[in-house]
Amino acid sequence: MNTAAHAPHTAPAHLAGLSLVNLAARQRMLSQRLLLQTLLAAQGREGLLAAAVHSLNVFRESQQHLLATAAHLEPAAARQVQATYHGAGGVAAVVQDFIDRLQAVHDLIAAQSPRVDGALGALVALTDPVLQALNTATSAFDQVTRAQSEAIMKELVGIVNDIQTVSREAKVVSFNAQVVAARAGQHGREFAVVANVLTDITGEIDSLSRKAAELAERSKHAA
């Protein structure tokens, strides 16, 4: 596998800890805050233009992070996100248009241009399309996250099954060792100690495998 192609993307500090699906969902809320701040800034509300500019920078940076991180997903997930953003009727073009129009309106407000009203009308007309696009992106990341969780659970169940198989085989070996030690009498004491230790180990393995199985079951129901 080409490790360079799947190198992890480092999130900015204020985005660290946010999952892709949560970040995508946050973009929806941020888009509406941006519209409100921009409309109020156009009405001359003091400090709102600076707030809108800051929100736009956060929105733009978050969008870039989503796209960059998605490129480092597993191949199937990366293809799904790629199709969502850049396929027919993709999300990326709508979101970029929204960003460009916001930037244009902010520039017009700062310049106190009389053309700001027309630009605002075009921006407001994007409200429904951009929300739909961001909803589509959030759904795609949600599907990817669920698929990843299911794959992890499947792998965990497989590991638990393997552990249980090893434990059963170890129990058979331990039992046979105890039988041999008993037959050997005095000469089998040290062998009996080893057999008893092996029995204790298999007991620990059983306990750990049960805990892992319970964790997998709880995680499956919580997903």
C-alpha atoms as a PDB file:
ATOM      1  CA  MET A   1       0.000   0.000   0.000  1.00  0.00           C
ATOM      2  CA  ASN A   2       1.207   3.486  -0.761  1.00  0.00           C
ATOM      3  CA  THR A   3       1.629   4.952   2.712  1.00  0.00           C
ATOM      4  CA  ALA A   4       2.347   8.391   1.347  1.00  0.00           C
ATOM      5  CA  ALA A   5      -1.075   8.500  -0.279  1.00  0.00           C
ATOM      6  CA  HIS A   6      -2.705   7.744   3.069  1.00  0.00           C
ATOM      7  CA  ALA A   7      -0.590   9.983   5.280  1.00  0.00           C
ATOM      8  CA  PRO A   8      -2.689  11.488   8.069  1.00  0.00           C
ATOM      9  CA  HIS A   9      -3.940  15.027   7.648  1.00  0.00           C
ATOM     10  CA  THR A  10      -3.179  17.221  10.650  1.00  0.00           C
ATOM     11  CA  ALA A  11      -6.191  19.207  11.812  1.00  0.00           C
ATOM     12  CA  PRO A  12      -5.890  22.831  12.930  1.00  0.00           C
ATOM     13  CA  ALA A  13      -6.045  23.121  16.724  1.00  0.00           C
ATOM     14  CA  HIS A  14      -9.651  24.389  16.804  1.00  0.00           C
ATOM     15  CA  LEU A  15     -10.796  21.435  14.651  1.00  0.00           C
ATOM     16  CA  ALA A  16      -8.963  18.742  16.604  1.00  0.00           C
ATOM     17  CA  GLY A  17     -11.308  16.242  18.199  1.00  0.00           C
ATOM     18  CA  LEU A  18     -14.159  16.842  15.775  1.00  0.00           C
ATOM     19  CA  SER A  19     -15.145  13.829  13.714  1.00  0.00           C
ATOM     20  CA  LEU A  20     -15.722  14.316   9.988  1.00  0.00           C
ATOM     21  CA  VAL A  21     -19.477  13.881  10.363  1.00  0.00           C
ATOM     22  CA  ASN A  22     -19.607  16.393  13.241  1.00  0.00           C
ATOM     23  CA  LEU A  23     -17.490  18.865  11.303  1.00  0.00           C
ATOM     24  CA  ALA A  24     -19.749  18.494   8.258  1.00  0.00           C
ATOM     25  CA  ALA A  25     -22.824  19.044  10.443  1.00  0.00           C
ATOM     26  CA  ARG A  26     -21.197  22.120  11.978  1.00  0.00           C
ATOM     27  CA  GLN A  27     -20.764  23.559   8.488  1.00  0.00           C
ATOM     28  CA  ARG A  28     -24.566  23.640   8.108  1.00  0.00           C
ATOM     29  CA  MET A  29     -25.009  25.716  11.265  1.00  0.00           C
ATOM     30  CA  LEU A  30     -22.075  27.938  10.377  1.00  0.00           C
ATOM     31  CA  SER A  31     -23.538  28.660   6.929  1.00  0.00           C
ATOM     32  CA  GLN A  32     -26.707  30.040   8.537  1.00  0.00           C
ATOM     33  CA  ARG A  33     -24.729  32.112  11.026  1.00  0.00           C
ATOM     34  CA  LEU A  34     -22.753  33.522   8.111  1.00  0.00           C
ATOM     35  CA  LEU A  35     -25.901  34.573   6.272  1.00  0.00           C
ATOM     36  CA  LEU A  36     -27.331  36.293   9.347  1.00  0.00           C
ATOM     37  CA  GLN A  37     -24.087  38.086  10.180  1.00  0.00           C
ATOM     38  CA  THR A  38     -23.699  39.221   6.570  1.00  0.00           C
ATOM     39  CA  LEU A  39     -27.271  40.515   6.330  1.00  0.00           C
ATOM     40  CA  LEU A  40     -26.888  42.451   9.576  1.00  0.00           C
ATOM     41  CA  ALA A  41     -23.510  43.805   8.454  1.00  0.00           C
ATOM     42  CA  ALA A  42     -25.143  45.076   5.248  1.00  0.00           C
ATOM     43  CA  GLN A  43     -27.632  46.967   7.426  1.00  0.00           C
ATOM     44  CA  GLY A  44     -24.744  48.747   9.098  1.00  0.00           C
ATOM     45  CA  ARG A  45     -24.711  46.832  12.379  1.00  0.00           C
ATOM     46  CA  GLU A  46     -21.422  47.664  14.080  1.00  0.00           C
ATOM     47  CA  GLY A  47     -18.913  44.841  14.397  1.00  0.00           C
ATOM     48  CA  LEU A  48     -20.966  42.387  12.330  1.00  0.00           C
ATOM     49  CA  LEU A  49     -18.796  42.641   9.217  1.00  0.00           C
ATOM     50  CA  ALA A  50     -15.716  41.644  11.219  1.00  0.00           C
ATOM     51  CA  ALA A  51     -17.693  38.765  12.755  1.00  0.00           C
ATOM     52  CA  ALA A  52     -18.904  37.663   9.314  1.00  0.00           C
ATOM     53  CA  VAL A  53     -15.366  37.775   7.906  1.00  0.00           C
ATOM     54  CA  HIS A  54     -14.125  35.644  10.802  1.00  0.00           C
ATOM     55  CA  SER A  55     -16.959  33.124  10.348  1.00  0.00           C
ATOM     56  CA  LEU A  56     -16.219  32.896   6.637  1.00  0.00           C
ATOM     57  CA  ASN A  57     -12.555  32.168   7.353  1.00  0.00           C
ATOM     58  CA  VAL A  58     -13.577  29.381   9.763  1.00  0.00           C
ATOM     59  CA  PHE A  59     -16.068  28.003   7.243  1.00  0.00           C
ATOM     60  CA  ARG A  60     -13.506  28.045   4.432  1.00  0.00           C
ATOM     61  CA  GLU A  61     -10.820  26.423   6.588  1.00  0.00           C
ATOM     62  CA  SER A  62     -13.228  23.725   7.796  1.00  0.00           C
ATOM     63  CA  GLN A  63     -14.248  22.980   4.230  1.00  0.00           C
ATOM     64  CA  GLN A  64     -10.623  22.611   3.161  1.00  0.00           C
ATOM     65  CA  HIS A  65     -10.001  20.309   6.132  1.00  0.00           C
ATOM     66  CA  LEU A  66     -12.980  18.106   5.211  1.00  0.00           C
ATOM     67  CA  LEU A  67     -11.765  17.724   1.639  1.00  0.00           C
ATOM     68  CA  ALA A  68      -8.138  17.132   2.638  1.00  0.00           C
ATOM     69  CA  THR A  69      -8.987  14.567   5.317  1.00  0.00           C
ATOM     70  CA  ALA A  70     -11.445  12.717   3.083  1.00  0.00           C
ATOM     71  CA  ALA A  71      -8.624  12.073   0.613  1.00  0.00           C
ATOM     72  CA  HIS A  72      -6.888   9.937   3.265  1.00  0.00           C
ATOM     73  CA  LEU A  73      -9.827   7.630   3.978  1.00  0.00           C
ATOM     74  CA  GLU A  74      -9.883   4.000   2.911  1.00  0.00           C
ATOM     75  CA  PRO A  75     -10.281   3.706  -0.908  1.00  0.00           C
ATOM     76  CA  ALA A  76     -14.023   2.873  -0.913  1.00  0.00           C
ATOM     77  CA  ALA A  77     -14.836   5.670   1.529  1.00  0.00           C
ATOM     78  CA  ALA A  78     -12.604   8.130  -0.344  1.00  0.00           C
ATOM     79  CA  ARG A  79     -14.418   7.311  -3.604  1.00  0.00           C
ATOM     80  CA  GLN A  80     -17.793   7.871  -1.948  1.00  0.00           C
ATOM     81  CA  VAL A  81     -16.778  11.265  -0.573  1.00  0.00           C
ATOM     82  CA  GLN A  82     -15.117  12.189  -3.873  1.00  0.00           C
ATOM     83  CA  ALA A  83     -18.343  11.394  -5.744  1.00  0.00           C
ATOM     84  CA  THR A  84     -20.361  13.415  -3.226  1.00  0.00           C
ATOM     85  CA  TYR A  85     -18.188  16.486  -3.634  1.00  0.00           C
ATOM     86  CA  HIS A  86     -17.068  16.290  -7.250  1.00  0.00           C
ATOM     87  CA  GLY A  87     -19.515  13.961  -9.023  1.00  0.00           C
ATOM     88  CA  ALA A  88     -22.533  15.014 -11.067  1.00  0.00           C
ATOM     89  CA  GLY A  89     -24.323  17.741  -9.137  1.00  0.00           C
ATOM     90  CA  GLY A  90     -21.528  17.624  -6.591  1.00  0.00           C
ATOM     91  CA  VAL A  91     -21.441  19.503  -3.324  1.00  0.00           C
ATOM     92  CA  ALA A  92     -18.084  21.221  -3.865  1.00  0.00           C
ATOM     93  CA  ALA A  93     -19.258  23.591  -6.606  1.00  0.00           C
ATOM     94  CA  VAL A  94     -22.286  24.756  -4.600  1.00  0.00           C
ATOM     95  CA  VAL A  95     -20.242  25.332  -1.451  1.00  0.00           C
ATOM     96  CA  GLN A  96     -17.506  27.160  -3.361  1.00  0.00           C
ATOM     97  CA  ASP A  97     -20.112  29.389  -5.022  1.00  0.00           C
ATOM     98  CA  PHE A  98     -21.495  30.179  -1.560  1.00  0.00           C
ATOM     99  CA  ILE A  99     -18.013  31.077  -0.299  1.00  0.00           C
ATOM    100  CA  ASP A 100     -17.258  33.248  -3.358  1.00  0.00           C
ATOM    101  CA  ARG A 101     -20.568  35.135  -3.081  1.00  0.00           C
ATOM    102  CA  LEU A 102     -20.056  35.728   0.630  1.00  0.00           C
ATOM    103  CA  GLN A 103     -16.582  37.090  -0.027  1.00  0.00           C
ATOM    104  CA  ALA A 104     -17.945  39.362  -2.766  1.00  0.00           C
ATOM    105  CA  VAL A 105     -20.696  40.698  -0.485  1.00  0.00           C
ATOM    106  CA  HIS A 106     -18.211  41.330   2.327  1.00  0.00           C
ATOM    107  CA  ASP A 107     -15.999  43.276  -0.062  1.00  0.00           C
ATOM    108  CA  LEU A 108     -18.969  45.361  -1.254  1.00  0.00           C
ATOM    109  CA  ILE A 109     -20.070  46.089   2.322  1.00  0.00           C
ATOM    110  CA  ALA A 110     -16.538  47.171   3.242  1.00  0.00           C
ATOM    111  CA  ALA A 111     -16.460  49.453   0.194  1.00  0.00           C
ATOM    112  CA  GLN A 112     -19.984  50.754   0.958  1.00  0.00           C
ATOM    113  CA  SER A 113     -20.918  49.946  -2.626  1.00  0.00           C
ATOM    114  CA  PRO A 114     -24.493  50.513  -3.834  1.00  0.00           C
ATOM    115  CA  ARG A 115     -24.296  47.123  -5.562  1.00  0.00           C
ATOM    116  CA  VAL A 116     -24.455  45.313  -2.237  1.00  0.00           C
ATOM    117  CA  ASP A 117     -28.256  44.839  -2.361  1.00  0.00           C
ATOM    118  CA  GLY A 118     -28.123  42.909  -5.642  1.00  0.00           C
ATOM    119  CA  ALA A 119     -25.265  40.758  -4.406  1.00  0.00           C
ATOM    120  CA  LEU A 120     -27.171  40.058  -1.190  1.00  0.00           C
ATOM    121  CA  GLY A 121     -30.197  38.906  -3.157  1.00  0.00           C
ATOM    122  CA  ALA A 122     -28.082  36.428  -5.115  1.00  0.00           C
ATOM    123  CA  LEU A 123     -26.507  35.204  -1.874  1.00  0.00           C
ATOM    124  CA  VAL A 124     -29.851  34.690  -0.122  1.00  0.00           C
ATOM    125  CA  ALA A 125     -31.082  32.723  -3.148  1.00  0.00           C
ATOM    126  CA  LEU A 126     -28.317  30.214  -2.364  1.00  0.00           C
ATOM    127  CA  THR A 127     -29.696  29.450   1.104  1.00  0.00           C
ATOM    128  CA  ASP A 128     -31.654  26.319   0.181  1.00  0.00           C
ATOM    129  CA  PRO A 129     -29.120  24.928  -2.329  1.00  0.00           C
ATOM    130  CA  VAL A 130     -26.197  25.306   0.074  1.00  0.00           C
ATOM    131  CA  LEU A 131     -28.148  23.726   2.939  1.00  0.00           C
ATOM    132  CA  GLN A 132     -29.088  20.817   0.709  1.00  0.00           C
ATOM    133  CA  ALA A 133     -25.466  20.442  -0.400  1.00  0.00           C
ATOM    134  CA  LEU A 134     -24.185  20.495   3.177  1.00  0.00           C
ATOM    135  CA  ASN A 135     -26.857  17.991   4.228  1.00  0.00           C
ATOM    136  CA  THR A 136     -25.706  15.709   1.407  1.00  0.00           C
ATOM    137  CA  ALA A 137     -22.097  15.995   2.589  1.00  0.00           C
ATOM    138  CA  THR A 138     -23.072  15.260   6.192  1.00  0.00           C
ATOM    139  CA  SER A 139     -25.018  12.170   5.100  1.00  0.00           C
ATOM    140  CA  ALA A 140     -22.034  10.925   3.102  1.00  0.00           C
ATOM    141  CA  PHE A 141     -19.669  11.283   6.076  1.00  0.00           C
ATOM    142  CA  ASP A 142     -22.258   9.632   8.329  1.00  0.00           C
ATOM    143  CA  GLN A 143     -22.417   6.627   5.989  1.00  0.00           C
ATOM    144  CA  VAL A 144     -18.621   6.447   5.881  1.00  0.00           C
ATOM    145  CA  THR A 145     -18.401   6.591   9.691  1.00  0.00           C
ATOM    146  CA  ARG A 146     -21.009   3.857  10.101  1.00  0.00           C
ATOM    147  CA  ALA A 147     -19.235   1.641   7.577  1.00  0.00           C
ATOM    148  CA  GLN A 148     -15.935   2.131   9.418  1.00  0.00           C
ATOM    149  CA  SER A 149     -17.580   1.249  12.756  1.00  0.00           C
ATOM    150  CA  GLU A 150     -19.125  -1.886  11.285  1.00  0.00           C
ATOM    151  CA  ALA A 151     -15.769  -2.958   9.830  1.00  0.00           C
ATOM    152  CA  ILE A 152     -14.041  -2.421  13.189  1.00  0.00           C
ATOM    153  CA  MET A 153     -16.750  -4.411  14.987  1.00  0.00           C
ATOM    154  CA  LYS A 154     -16.431  -7.243  12.479  1.00  0.00           C
ATOM    155  CA  GLU A 155     -12.673  -7.318  12.975  1.00  0.00           C
ATOM    156  CA  LEU A 156     -13.058  -7.223  16.760  1.00  0.00           C
ATOM    157  CA  VAL A 157     -15.515 -10.129  16.710  1.00  0.00           C
ATOM    158  CA  GLY A 158     -13.043 -12.083  14.559  1.00  0.00           C
ATOM    159  CA  ILE A 159     -10.241 -11.404  17.030  1.00  0.00           C
ATOM    160  CA  VAL A 160     -12.419 -12.530  19.952  1.00  0.00           C
ATOM    161  CA  ASN A 161     -13.277 -15.741  18.102  1.00  0.00           C
ATOM    162  CA  ASP A 162      -9.586 -16.386  17.445  1.00  0.00           C
ATOM    163  CA  ILE A 163      -8.769 -15.819  21.122  1.00  0.00           C
ATOM    164  CA  GLN A 164     -11.491 -18.219  22.178  1.00  0.00           C
ATOM    165  CA  THR A 165     -10.178 -20.859  19.755  1.00  0.00           C
ATOM    166  CA  VAL A 166      -6.659 -20.493  21.163  1.00  0.00           C
ATOM    167  CA  SER A 167      -8.078 -20.698  24.695  1.00  0.00           C
ATOM    168  CA  ARG A 168      -9.909 -23.955  23.934  1.00  0.00           C
ATOM    169  CA  GLU A 169      -6.779 -25.464  22.438  1.00  0.00           C
ATOM    170  CA  ALA A 170      -4.724 -24.328  25.431  1.00  0.00           C
ATOM    171  CA  LYS A 171      -7.220 -25.972  27.786  1.00  0.00           C
ATOM    172  CA  VAL A 172      -6.824 -29.272  25.957  1.00  0.00           C
ATOM    173  CA  VAL A 173      -3.033 -28.974  26.184  1.00  0.00           C
ATOM    174  CA  SER A 174      -3.294 -28.091  29.883  1.00  0.00           C
ATOM    175  CA  PHE A 175      -5.551 -31.070  30.614  1.00  0.00           C
ATOM    176  CA  ASN A 176      -3.260 -33.461  28.759  1.00  0.00           C
ATOM    177  CA  ALA A 177      -0.268 -32.011  30.595  1.00  0.00           C
ATOM    178  CA  GLN A 178      -1.965 -32.586  33.949  1.00  0.00           C
ATOM    179  CA  VAL A 179      -2.728 -36.206  33.004  1.00  0.00           C
ATOM    180  CA  VAL A 180       0.896 -36.793  31.976  1.00  0.00           C
ATOM    181  CA  ALA A 181       2.134 -35.120  35.181  1.00  0.00           C
ATOM    182  CA  ALA A 182      -0.142 -37.330  37.306  1.00  0.00           C
ATOM    183  CA  ARG A 183       1.145 -40.469  35.607  1.00  0.00           C
ATOM    184  CA  ALA A 184       4.735 -39.362  36.109  1.00  0.00           C
ATOM    185  CA  GLY A 185       4.190 -39.059  39.861  1.00  0.00           C
ATOM    186  CA  GLN A 186       7.206 -37.641  41.711  1.00  0.00           C
ATOM    187  CA  HIS A 187       9.006 -36.887  38.445  1.00  0.00           C
ATOM    188  CA  GLY A 188       6.055 -34.950  37.090  1.00  0.00           C
ATOM    189  CA  ARG A 189       5.859 -32.258  39.769  1.00  0.00           C
ATOM    190  CA  GLU A 190       7.537 -29.526  37.746  1.00  0.00           C
ATOM    191  CA  PHE A 191       5.482 -30.489  34.732  1.00  0.00           C
ATOM    192  CA  ALA A 192       2.334 -30.217  36.873  1.00  0.00           C
ATOM    193  CA  VAL A 193       3.308 -26.676  37.924  1.00  0.00           C
ATOM    194  CA  VAL A 194       3.583 -25.674  34.252  1.00  0.00           C
ATOM    195  CA  ALA A 195       0.220 -27.292  33.519  1.00  0.00           C
ATOM    196  CA  ASN A 196      -1.424 -25.385  36.393  1.00  0.00           C
ATOM    197  CA  VAL A 197       0.041 -22.081  35.227  1.00  0.00           C
ATOM    198  CA  LEU A 198      -1.290 -22.789  31.744  1.00  0.00           C
ATOM    199  CA  THR A 199      -4.727 -23.438  33.261  1.00  0.00           C
ATOM    200  CA  ASP A 200      -4.608 -20.074  35.038  1.00  0.00           C
ATOM    201  CA  ILE A 201      -3.591 -18.340  31.816  1.00  0.00           C
ATOM    202  CA  THR A 202      -6.481 -19.876  29.879  1.00  0.00           C
ATOM    203  CA  GLY A 203      -8.834 -18.661  32.616  1.00  0.00           C
ATOM    204  CA  GLU A 204      -7.520 -15.118  32.169  1.00  0.00           C
ATOM    205  CA  ILE A 205      -7.896 -15.420  28.397  1.00  0.00           C
ATOM    206  CA  ASP A 206     -11.527 -16.504  28.842  1.00  0.00           C
ATOM    207  CA  SER A 207     -12.220 -13.520  31.087  1.00  0.00           C
ATOM    208  CA  LEU A 208     -10.623 -11.061  28.670  1.00  0.00           C
ATOM    209  CA  SER A 209     -12.400 -12.540  25.644  1.00  0.00           C
ATOM    210  CA  ARG A 210     -15.766 -12.258  27.429  1.00  0.00           C
ATOM    211  CA  LYS A 211     -15.086  -8.600  28.222  1.00  0.00           C
ATOM    212  CA  ALA A 212     -14.087  -7.959  24.593  1.00  0.00           C
ATOM    213  CA  ALA A 213     -17.244  -9.705  23.354  1.00  0.00           C
ATOM    214  CA  GLU A 214     -19.397  -7.622  25.698  1.00  0.00           C
ATOM    215  CA  LEU A 215     -17.673  -4.424  24.530  1.00  0.00           C
ATOM    216  CA  ALA A 216     -18.251  -5.355  20.890  1.00  0.00           C
ATOM    217  CA  GLU A 217     -21.932  -6.035  21.610  1.00  0.00           C
ATOM    218  CA  ARG A 218     -22.391  -2.706  23.440  1.00  0.00           C
ATOM    219  CA  SER A 219     -20.615  -0.817  20.658  1.00  0.00           C
ATOM    220  CA  LYS A 220     -22.821  -2.487  18.036  1.00  0.00           C
ATOM    221  CA  HIS A 221     -26.000  -1.392  19.801  1.00  0.00           C
ATOM    222  CA  ALA A 222     -24.640   2.113  20.414  1.00  0.00           C
ATOM    223  CA  ALA A 223     -23.741   2.638  16.729  1.00  0.00           C
END
